[in-house]
PDB file of all heavy atoms in Angstrom:
ATOM      1  N   ASP A   1      11.120  22.885 -10.604  1.00  0.00           N
ATOM      2  CA  ASP A   1       9.839  22.834  -9.900  1.00  0.00           C
ATOM      3  C   ASP A   1       9.668  21.500  -9.181  1.00  0.00           C
ATOM      4  O   ASP A   1      10.527  20.627  -9.245  1.00  0.00           O
ATOM      5  CB  ASP A   1       8.683  23.082 -10.867  1.00  0.00           C
ATOM      6  CG  ASP A   1       8.689  22.113 -12.037  1.00  0.00           C
ATOM      7  OD1 ASP A   1       8.255  20.963 -11.844  1.00  0.00           O
ATOM      8  OD2 ASP A   1       9.129  22.507 -13.143  1.00  0.00           O
ATOM      9  N   ALA A   2       8.527  21.353  -8.499  1.00  0.00           N
ATOM     10  CA  ALA A   2       8.290  20.165  -7.668  1.00  0.00           C
ATOM     11  C   ALA A   2       7.329  19.182  -8.333  1.00  0.00           C
ATOM     12  O   ALA A   2       6.596  18.476  -7.650  1.00  0.00           O
ATOM     13  CB  ALA A   2       7.759  20.585  -6.305  1.00  0.00           C
ATOM     14  N   THR A   3       7.322  19.152  -9.672  1.00  0.00           N
ATOM     15  CA  THR A   3       6.555  18.118 -10.368  1.00  0.00           C
ATOM     16  C   THR A   3       7.438  16.882 -10.443  1.00  0.00           C
ATOM     17  O   THR A   3       8.463  16.880 -11.121  1.00  0.00           O
ATOM     18  CB  THR A   3       6.166  18.578 -11.784  1.00  0.00           C
ATOM     19  OG1 THR A   3       5.447  19.812 -11.696  1.00  0.00           O
ATOM     20  CG2 THR A   3       5.288  17.533 -12.459  1.00  0.00           C
ATOM     21  N   PRO A   4       7.067  15.817  -9.738  1.00  0.00           N
ATOM     22  CA  PRO A   4       8.031  14.731  -9.527  1.00  0.00           C
ATOM     23  C   PRO A   4       7.973  13.611 -10.558  1.00  0.00           C
ATOM     24  O   PRO A   4       6.964  13.389 -11.232  1.00  0.00           O
ATOM     25  CB  PRO A   4       7.588  14.173  -8.173  1.00  0.00           C
ATOM     26  CG  PRO A   4       6.088  14.308  -8.236  1.00  0.00           C
ATOM     27  CD  PRO A   4       5.829  15.606  -8.979  1.00  0.00           C
ATOM     28  N   ILE A   5       9.079  12.907 -10.669  1.00  0.00           N
ATOM     29  CA  ILE A   5       9.061  11.555 -11.205  1.00  0.00           C
ATOM     30  C   ILE A   5       8.398  10.684 -10.145  1.00  0.00           C
ATOM     31  O   ILE A   5       8.715  10.793  -8.959  1.00  0.00           O
ATOM     32  CB  ILE A   5      10.500  11.063 -11.483  1.00  0.00           C
ATOM     33  CG1 ILE A   5      11.112  11.861 -12.647  1.00  0.00           C
ATOM     34  CG2 ILE A   5      10.536   9.566 -11.755  1.00  0.00           C
ATOM     35  CD1 ILE A   5      12.588  11.579 -12.843  1.00  0.00           C
ATOM     36  N   VAL A   6       7.457   9.833 -10.552  1.00  0.00           N
ATOM     37  CA  VAL A   6       6.745   8.991  -9.594  1.00  0.00           C
ATOM     38  C   VAL A   6       7.217   7.548  -9.723  1.00  0.00           C
ATOM     39  O   VAL A   6       7.141   6.950 -10.798  1.00  0.00           O
ATOM     40  CB  VAL A   6       5.221   9.069  -9.805  1.00  0.00           C
ATOM     41  CG1 VAL A   6       4.502   8.122  -8.839  1.00  0.00           C
ATOM     42  CG2 VAL A   6       4.722  10.497  -9.596  1.00  0.00           C
ATOM     43  N   VAL A   7       7.728   7.020  -8.622  1.00  0.00           N
ATOM     44  CA  VAL A   7       8.082   5.606  -8.536  1.00  0.00           C
ATOM     45  C   VAL A   7       6.873   4.884  -7.941  1.00  0.00           C
ATOM     46  O   VAL A   7       6.502   5.138  -6.790  1.00  0.00           O
ATOM     47  CB  VAL A   7       9.319   5.380  -7.647  1.00  0.00           C
ATOM     48  CG1 VAL A   7       9.621   3.885  -7.535  1.00  0.00           C
ATOM     49  CG2 VAL A   7      10.522   6.139  -8.203  1.00  0.00           C
ATOM     50  N   TRP A   8       6.244   4.023  -8.736  1.00  0.00           N
ATOM     51  CA  TRP A   8       5.072   3.295  -8.255  1.00  0.00           C
ATOM     52  C   TRP A   8       5.449   1.835  -8.022  1.00  0.00           C
ATOM     53  O   TRP A   8       5.771   1.120  -8.969  1.00  0.00           O
ATOM     54  CB  TRP A   8       3.921   3.393  -9.262  1.00  0.00           C
ATOM     55  CG  TRP A   8       2.709   2.599  -8.846  1.00  0.00           C
ATOM     56  CD1 TRP A   8       2.263   2.386  -7.576  1.00  0.00           C
ATOM     57  CD2 TRP A   8       1.806   1.909  -9.713  1.00  0.00           C
ATOM     58  NE1 TRP A   8       1.126   1.605  -7.596  1.00  0.00           N
ATOM     59  CE2 TRP A   8       0.821   1.298  -8.884  1.00  0.00           C
ATOM     60  CE3 TRP A   8       1.718   1.758 -11.101  1.00  0.00           C
ATOM     61  CZ2 TRP A   8      -0.225   0.539  -9.421  1.00  0.00           C
ATOM     62  CZ3 TRP A   8       0.684   1.004 -11.626  1.00  0.00           C
ATOM     63  CH2 TRP A   8      -0.283   0.410 -10.792  1.00  0.00           C
ATOM     64  N   ASN A   9       5.439   1.432  -6.763  1.00  0.00           N
ATOM     65  CA  ASN A   9       5.605   0.013  -6.448  1.00  0.00           C
ATOM     66  C   ASN A   9       4.287  -0.673  -6.802  1.00  0.00           C
ATOM     67  O   ASN A   9       3.390  -0.787  -5.974  1.00  0.00           O
ATOM     68  CB  ASN A   9       5.946  -0.184  -4.974  1.00  0.00           C
ATOM     69  CG  ASN A   9       7.256   0.460  -4.595  1.00  0.00           C
ATOM     70  OD1 ASN A   9       7.284   1.462  -3.878  1.00  0.00           O
ATOM     71  ND2 ASN A   9       8.343  -0.084  -5.080  1.00  0.00           N
ATOM     72  N   SER A  10       4.189  -1.103  -8.050  1.00  0.00           N
ATOM     73  CA  SER A  10       2.915  -1.585  -8.583  1.00  0.00           C
ATOM     74  C   SER A  10       2.477  -2.906  -7.966  1.00  0.00           C
ATOM     75  O   SER A  10       1.307  -3.274  -8.050  1.00  0.00           O
ATOM     76  CB  SER A  10       3.005  -1.719 -10.105  1.00  0.00           C
ATOM     77  OG  SER A  10       4.087  -2.553 -10.481  1.00  0.00           O
ATOM     78  N   THR A  11       3.399  -3.618  -7.342  1.00  0.00           N
ATOM     79  CA  THR A  11       3.088  -4.845  -6.609  1.00  0.00           C
ATOM     80  C   THR A  11       4.182  -5.126  -5.597  1.00  0.00           C
ATOM     81  O   THR A  11       5.336  -4.746  -5.804  1.00  0.00           O
ATOM     82  CB  THR A  11       2.933  -6.055  -7.558  1.00  0.00           C
ATOM     83  OG1 THR A  11       2.614  -7.226  -6.791  1.00  0.00           O
ATOM     84  CG2 THR A  11       4.208  -6.312  -8.351  1.00  0.00           C
ATOM     85  N   ASN A  12       3.819  -5.774  -4.507  1.00  0.00           N
ATOM     86  CA  ASN A  12       4.812  -6.242  -3.536  1.00  0.00           C
ATOM     87  C   ASN A  12       5.402  -7.584  -3.945  1.00  0.00           C
ATOM     88  O   ASN A  12       6.452  -7.985  -3.440  1.00  0.00           O
ATOM     89  CB  ASN A  12       4.176  -6.406  -2.153  1.00  0.00           C
ATOM     90  CG  ASN A  12       4.368  -5.197  -1.271  1.00  0.00           C
ATOM     91  OD1 ASN A  12       3.427  -4.467  -1.001  1.00  0.00           O
ATOM     92  ND2 ASN A  12       5.593  -4.964  -0.821  1.00  0.00           N
ATOM     93  N   ARG A  13       4.709  -8.273  -4.841  1.00  0.00           N
ATOM     94  CA  ARG A  13       5.123  -9.627  -5.195  1.00  0.00           C
ATOM     95  C   ARG A  13       6.406  -9.622  -6.016  1.00  0.00           C
ATOM     96  O   ARG A  13       6.612  -8.775  -6.884  1.00  0.00           O
ATOM     97  CB  ARG A  13       4.021 -10.334  -5.965  1.00  0.00           C
ATOM     98  CG  ARG A  13       4.318 -11.808  -6.214  1.00  0.00           C
ATOM     99  CD  ARG A  13       3.121 -12.542  -6.769  1.00  0.00           C
ATOM    100  NE  ARG A  13       3.396 -13.981  -6.834  1.00  0.00           N
ATOM    101  CZ  ARG A  13       2.501 -14.896  -7.159  1.00  0.00           C
ATOM    102  NH1 ARG A  13       1.265 -14.528  -7.439  1.00  0.00           N
ATOM    103  NH2 ARG A  13       2.841 -16.175  -7.184  1.00  0.00           N
ATOM    104  N   CYS A  14       7.288 -10.589  -5.744  1.00  0.00           N
ATOM    105  CA  CYS A  14       8.528 -10.729  -6.501  1.00  0.00           C
ATOM    106  C   CYS A  14       8.911 -12.203  -6.551  1.00  0.00           C
ATOM    107  O   CYS A  14       8.681 -12.948  -5.600  1.00  0.00           O
ATOM    108  CB  CYS A  14       9.655  -9.918  -5.851  1.00  0.00           C
ATOM    109  SG  CYS A  14      11.192  -9.931  -6.827  1.00  0.00           S
ATOM    110  N   ASN A  15       9.501 -12.593  -7.658  1.00  0.00           N
ATOM    111  CA  ASN A  15       9.931 -13.985  -7.819  1.00  0.00           C
ATOM    112  C   ASN A  15      11.280 -14.267  -7.172  1.00  0.00           C
ATOM    113  O   ASN A  15      11.728 -15.411  -7.147  1.00  0.00           O
ATOM    114  CB  ASN A  15       9.985 -14.348  -9.306  1.00  0.00           C
ATOM    115  CG  ASN A  15      10.968 -13.488 -10.088  1.00  0.00           C
ATOM    116  OD1 ASN A  15      11.004 -12.266  -9.917  1.00  0.00           O
ATOM    117  ND2 ASN A  15      11.752 -14.098 -10.951  1.00  0.00           N
ATOM    118  N   LEU A  16      11.936 -13.227  -6.621  1.00  0.00           N
ATOM    119  CA  LEU A  16      13.199 -13.398  -5.916  1.00  0.00           C
ATOM    120  C   LEU A  16      13.066 -12.868  -4.489  1.00  0.00           C
ATOM    121  O   LEU A  16      12.043 -12.285  -4.125  1.00  0.00           O
ATOM    122  CB  LEU A  16      14.328 -12.666  -6.656  1.00  0.00           C
ATOM    123  CG  LEU A  16      14.632 -13.131  -8.088  1.00  0.00           C
ATOM    124  CD1 LEU A  16      15.744 -12.282  -8.684  1.00  0.00           C
ATOM    125  CD2 LEU A  16      15.007 -14.610  -8.123  1.00  0.00           C
ATOM    126  N   SER A  17      14.125 -13.041  -3.694  1.00  0.00           N
ATOM    127  CA  SER A  17      14.133 -12.550  -2.314  1.00  0.00           C
ATOM    128  C   SER A  17      15.484 -11.907  -2.047  1.00  0.00           C
ATOM    129  O   SER A  17      16.374 -12.507  -1.440  1.00  0.00           O
ATOM    130  CB  SER A  17      13.878 -13.696  -1.330  1.00  0.00           C
ATOM    131  OG  SER A  17      13.833 -13.224  -0.002  1.00  0.00           O
ATOM    132  N   CYS A  18      15.633 -10.674  -2.484  1.00  0.00           N
ATOM    133  CA  CYS A  18      16.940 -10.007  -2.473  1.00  0.00           C
ATOM    134  C   CYS A  18      17.278  -9.444  -1.093  1.00  0.00           C
ATOM    135  O   CYS A  18      16.416  -8.895  -0.407  1.00  0.00           O
ATOM    136  CB  CYS A  18      16.961  -8.887  -3.510  1.00  0.00           C
ATOM    137  SG  CYS A  18      16.487  -9.461  -5.162  1.00  0.00           S
ATOM    138  N   GLN A  19      18.549  -9.550  -0.718  1.00  0.00           N
ATOM    139  CA  GLN A  19      18.989  -9.136   0.606  1.00  0.00           C
ATOM    140  C   GLN A  19      18.744  -7.660   0.882  1.00  0.00           C
ATOM    141  O   GLN A  19      18.469  -7.262   2.014  1.00  0.00           O
ATOM    142  CB  GLN A  19      20.481  -9.442   0.784  1.00  0.00           C
ATOM    143  CG  GLN A  19      20.822 -10.911   0.890  1.00  0.00           C
ATOM    144  CD  GLN A  19      22.304 -11.114   1.200  1.00  0.00           C
ATOM    145  OE1 GLN A  19      22.918 -10.292   1.866  1.00  0.00           O
ATOM    146  NE2 GLN A  19      22.863 -12.202   0.714  1.00  0.00           N
ATOM    147  N   HIS A  20      18.883  -6.811  -0.144  1.00  0.00           N
ATOM    148  CA  HIS A  20      18.794  -5.367   0.071  1.00  0.00           C
ATOM    149  C   HIS A  20      17.453  -4.774  -0.353  1.00  0.00           C
ATOM    150  O   HIS A  20      17.344  -3.574  -0.571  1.00  0.00           O
ATOM    151  CB  HIS A  20      19.930  -4.653  -0.656  1.00  0.00           C
ATOM    152  CG  HIS A  20      20.118  -5.098  -2.084  1.00  0.00           C
ATOM    153  ND1 HIS A  20      19.070  -5.389  -2.918  1.00  0.00           N
ATOM    154  CD2 HIS A  20      21.237  -5.321  -2.799  1.00  0.00           C
ATOM    155  CE1 HIS A  20      19.549  -5.764  -4.092  1.00  0.00           C
ATOM    156  NE2 HIS A  20      20.863  -5.737  -4.049  1.00  0.00           N
ATOM    157  N   CYS A  21      16.412  -5.609  -0.493  1.00  0.00           N
ATOM    158  CA  CYS A  21      15.100  -5.116  -0.926  1.00  0.00           C
ATOM    159  C   CYS A  21      14.541  -4.125   0.088  1.00  0.00           C
ATOM    160  O   CYS A  21      14.475  -4.403   1.282  1.00  0.00           O
ATOM    161  CB  CYS A  21      14.127  -6.285  -1.091  1.00  0.00           C
ATOM    162  SG  CYS A  21      12.482  -5.769  -1.638  1.00  0.00           S
ATOM    163  N   TYR A  22      14.103  -2.954  -0.384  1.00  0.00           N
ATOM    164  CA  TYR A  22      13.635  -1.926   0.538  1.00  0.00           C
ATOM    165  C   TYR A  22      12.171  -2.089   0.916  1.00  0.00           C
ATOM    166  O   TYR A  22      11.660  -1.343   1.769  1.00  0.00           O
ATOM    167  CB  TYR A  22      13.905  -0.520  -0.026  1.00  0.00           C
ATOM    168  CG  TYR A  22      13.220  -0.185  -1.338  1.00  0.00           C
ATOM    169  CD1 TYR A  22      11.921   0.293  -1.370  1.00  0.00           C
ATOM    170  CD2 TYR A  22      13.892  -0.313  -2.552  1.00  0.00           C
ATOM    171  CE1 TYR A  22      11.296   0.618  -2.566  1.00  0.00           C
ATOM    172  CE2 TYR A  22      13.289   0.003  -3.748  1.00  0.00           C
ATOM    173  CZ  TYR A  22      11.988   0.467  -3.753  1.00  0.00           C
ATOM    174  OH  TYR A  22      11.371   0.797  -4.946  1.00  0.00           O
ATOM    175  N   ILE A  23      11.435  -3.046   0.283  1.00  0.00           N
ATOM    176  CA  ILE A  23      10.054  -3.277   0.701  1.00  0.00           C
ATOM    177  C   ILE A  23       9.816  -4.728   1.143  1.00  0.00           C
ATOM    178  O   ILE A  23       8.669  -5.154   1.289  1.00  0.00           O
ATOM    179  CB  ILE A  23       9.034  -2.890  -0.389  1.00  0.00           C
ATOM    180  CG1 ILE A  23       9.195  -3.752  -1.642  1.00  0.00           C
ATOM    181  CG2 ILE A  23       9.121  -1.425  -0.737  1.00  0.00           C
ATOM    182  CD1 ILE A  23       8.024  -3.577  -2.618  1.00  0.00           C
ATOM    183  N   ASN A  24      10.878  -5.492   1.340  1.00  0.00           N
ATOM    184  CA  ASN A  24      10.757  -6.871   1.831  1.00  0.00           C
ATOM    185  C   ASN A  24       9.836  -7.724   0.960  1.00  0.00           C
ATOM    186  O   ASN A  24       9.006  -8.490   1.470  1.00  0.00           O
ATOM    187  CB  ASN A  24      10.250  -6.874   3.285  1.00  0.00           C
ATOM    188  CG  ASN A  24      11.194  -6.187   4.242  1.00  0.00           C
ATOM    189  OD1 ASN A  24      12.364  -6.525   4.329  1.00  0.00           O
ATOM    190  ND2 ASN A  24      10.691  -5.190   4.954  1.00  0.00           N
ATOM    191  N   ALA A  25       9.973  -7.609  -0.347  1.00  0.00           N
ATOM    192  CA  ALA A  25       9.090  -8.318  -1.271  1.00  0.00           C
ATOM    193  C   ALA A  25       9.313  -9.829  -1.205  1.00  0.00           C
ATOM    194  O   ALA A  25      10.432 -10.306  -1.003  1.00  0.00           O
ATOM    195  CB  ALA A  25       9.327  -7.816  -2.694  1.00  0.00           C
ATOM    196  N   GLU A  26       8.213 -10.587  -1.404  1.00  0.00           N
ATOM    197  CA  GLU A  26       8.266 -12.039  -1.430  1.00  0.00           C
ATOM    198  C   GLU A  26       7.388 -12.558  -2.557  1.00  0.00           C
ATOM    199  O   GLU A  26       6.546 -11.834  -3.096  1.00  0.00           O
ATOM    200  CB  GLU A  26       7.796 -12.619  -0.086  1.00  0.00           C
ATOM    201  CG  GLU A  26       8.662 -12.239   1.102  1.00  0.00           C
ATOM    202  CD  GLU A  26       8.135 -12.832   2.400  1.00  0.00           C
ATOM    203  OE1 GLU A  26       7.460 -13.884   2.350  1.00  0.00           O
ATOM    204  OE2 GLU A  26       8.399 -12.240   3.456  1.00  0.00           O
ATOM    205  N   ASP A  27       7.548 -13.841  -2.880  1.00  0.00           N
ATOM    206  CA  ASP A  27       6.771 -14.451  -3.958  1.00  0.00           C
ATOM    207  C   ASP A  27       5.465 -15.005  -3.404  1.00  0.00           C
ATOM    208  O   ASP A  27       5.308 -16.208  -3.179  1.00  0.00           O
ATOM    209  CB  ASP A  27       7.584 -15.561  -4.635  1.00  0.00           C
ATOM    210  CG  ASP A  27       6.935 -16.029  -5.949  1.00  0.00           C
ATOM    211  OD1 ASP A  27       5.917 -15.428  -6.351  1.00  0.00           O
ATOM    212  OD2 ASP A  27       7.450 -16.980  -6.552  1.00  0.00           O
ATOM    213  N   LYS A  28       4.529 -14.102  -3.155  1.00  0.00           N
ATOM    214  CA  LYS A  28       3.210 -14.479  -2.654  1.00  0.00           C
ATOM    215  C   LYS A  28       2.210 -13.394  -3.029  1.00  0.00           C
ATOM    216  O   LYS A  28       2.586 -12.283  -3.404  1.00  0.00           O
ATOM    217  CB  LYS A  28       3.239 -14.659  -1.138  1.00  0.00           C
ATOM    218  CG  LYS A  28       3.511 -13.376  -0.359  1.00  0.00           C
ATOM    219  CD  LYS A  28       3.506 -13.612   1.146  1.00  0.00           C
ATOM    220  CE  LYS A  28       3.668 -12.297   1.915  1.00  0.00           C
ATOM    221  NZ  LYS A  28       3.664 -12.520   3.387  1.00  0.00           N
ATOM    222  N   GLU A  29       0.928 -13.728  -2.953  1.00  0.00           N
ATOM    223  CA  GLU A  29      -0.117 -12.756  -3.235  1.00  0.00           C
ATOM    224  C   GLU A  29      -0.240 -11.782  -2.059  1.00  0.00           C
ATOM    225  O   GLU A  29      -0.173 -12.180  -0.889  1.00  0.00           O
ATOM    226  CB  GLU A  29      -1.452 -13.456  -3.453  1.00  0.00           C
ATOM    227  CG  GLU A  29      -1.505 -14.339  -4.695  1.00  0.00           C
ATOM    228  CD  GLU A  29      -1.525 -13.531  -5.983  1.00  0.00           C
ATOM    229  OE1 GLU A  29      -1.829 -12.319  -5.921  1.00  0.00           O
ATOM    230  OE2 GLU A  29      -1.237 -14.113  -7.047  1.00  0.00           O
ATOM    231  N   TYR A  30      -0.423 -10.497  -2.371  1.00  0.00           N
ATOM    232  CA  TYR A  30      -0.610  -9.474  -1.349  1.00  0.00           C
ATOM    233  C   TYR A  30      -1.991  -8.843  -1.503  1.00  0.00           C
ATOM    234  O   TYR A  30      -2.419  -8.534  -2.627  1.00  0.00           O
ATOM    235  CB  TYR A  30       0.449  -8.384  -1.474  1.00  0.00           C
ATOM    236  CG  TYR A  30       1.841  -8.799  -1.045  1.00  0.00           C
ATOM    237  CD1 TYR A  30       2.704  -9.454  -1.917  1.00  0.00           C
ATOM    238  CD2 TYR A  30       2.296  -8.528   0.245  1.00  0.00           C
ATOM    239  CE1 TYR A  30       3.984  -9.833  -1.528  1.00  0.00           C
ATOM    240  CE2 TYR A  30       3.580  -8.893   0.646  1.00  0.00           C
ATOM    241  CZ  TYR A  30       4.412  -9.548  -0.245  1.00  0.00           C
ATOM    242  OH  TYR A  30       5.677  -9.911   0.157  1.00  0.00           O
ATOM    243  N   ALA A  31      -2.663  -8.653  -0.395  1.00  0.00           N
ATOM    244  CA  ALA A  31      -3.988  -8.036  -0.425  1.00  0.00           C
ATOM    245  C   ALA A  31      -3.876  -6.523  -0.558  1.00  0.00           C
ATOM    246  O   ALA A  31      -2.887  -5.916  -0.158  1.00  0.00           O
ATOM    247  CB  ALA A  31      -4.752  -8.390   0.851  1.00  0.00           C
ATOM    248  N   GLY A  32      -4.911  -5.913  -1.127  1.00  0.00           N
ATOM    249  CA  GLY A  32      -5.037  -4.462  -1.131  1.00  0.00           C
ATOM    250  C   GLY A  32      -4.307  -3.722  -2.230  1.00  0.00           C
ATOM    251  O   GLY A  32      -4.245  -2.488  -2.209  1.00  0.00           O
ATOM    252  N   GLU A  33      -3.761  -4.438  -3.214  1.00  0.00           N
ATOM    253  CA  GLU A  33      -3.074  -3.754  -4.305  1.00  0.00           C
ATOM    254  C   GLU A  33      -4.087  -3.189  -5.295  1.00  0.00           C
ATOM    255  O   GLU A  33      -5.222  -3.647  -5.381  1.00  0.00           O
ATOM    256  CB  GLU A  33      -2.093  -4.711  -4.987  1.00  0.00           C
ATOM    257  CG  GLU A  33      -1.004  -5.174  -4.036  1.00  0.00           C
ATOM    258  CD  GLU A  33       0.080  -6.012  -4.693  1.00  0.00           C
ATOM    259  OE1 GLU A  33      -0.064  -6.368  -5.877  1.00  0.00           O
ATOM    260  OE2 GLU A  33       1.084  -6.302  -4.011  1.00  0.00           O
TER     261      GLU A  33
END
C-alpha cells in the first residue's frame, strides 16, 4: 500500500557542511521551522 515511511528534515541546521548534502544545510539558525 501507499502508507509511507516519512523522512522529516526536522531542521536545516547542521554542524558540518558536506559536499553531497541534498538540502544545502549550514550551521546557522533558519526561520520558519
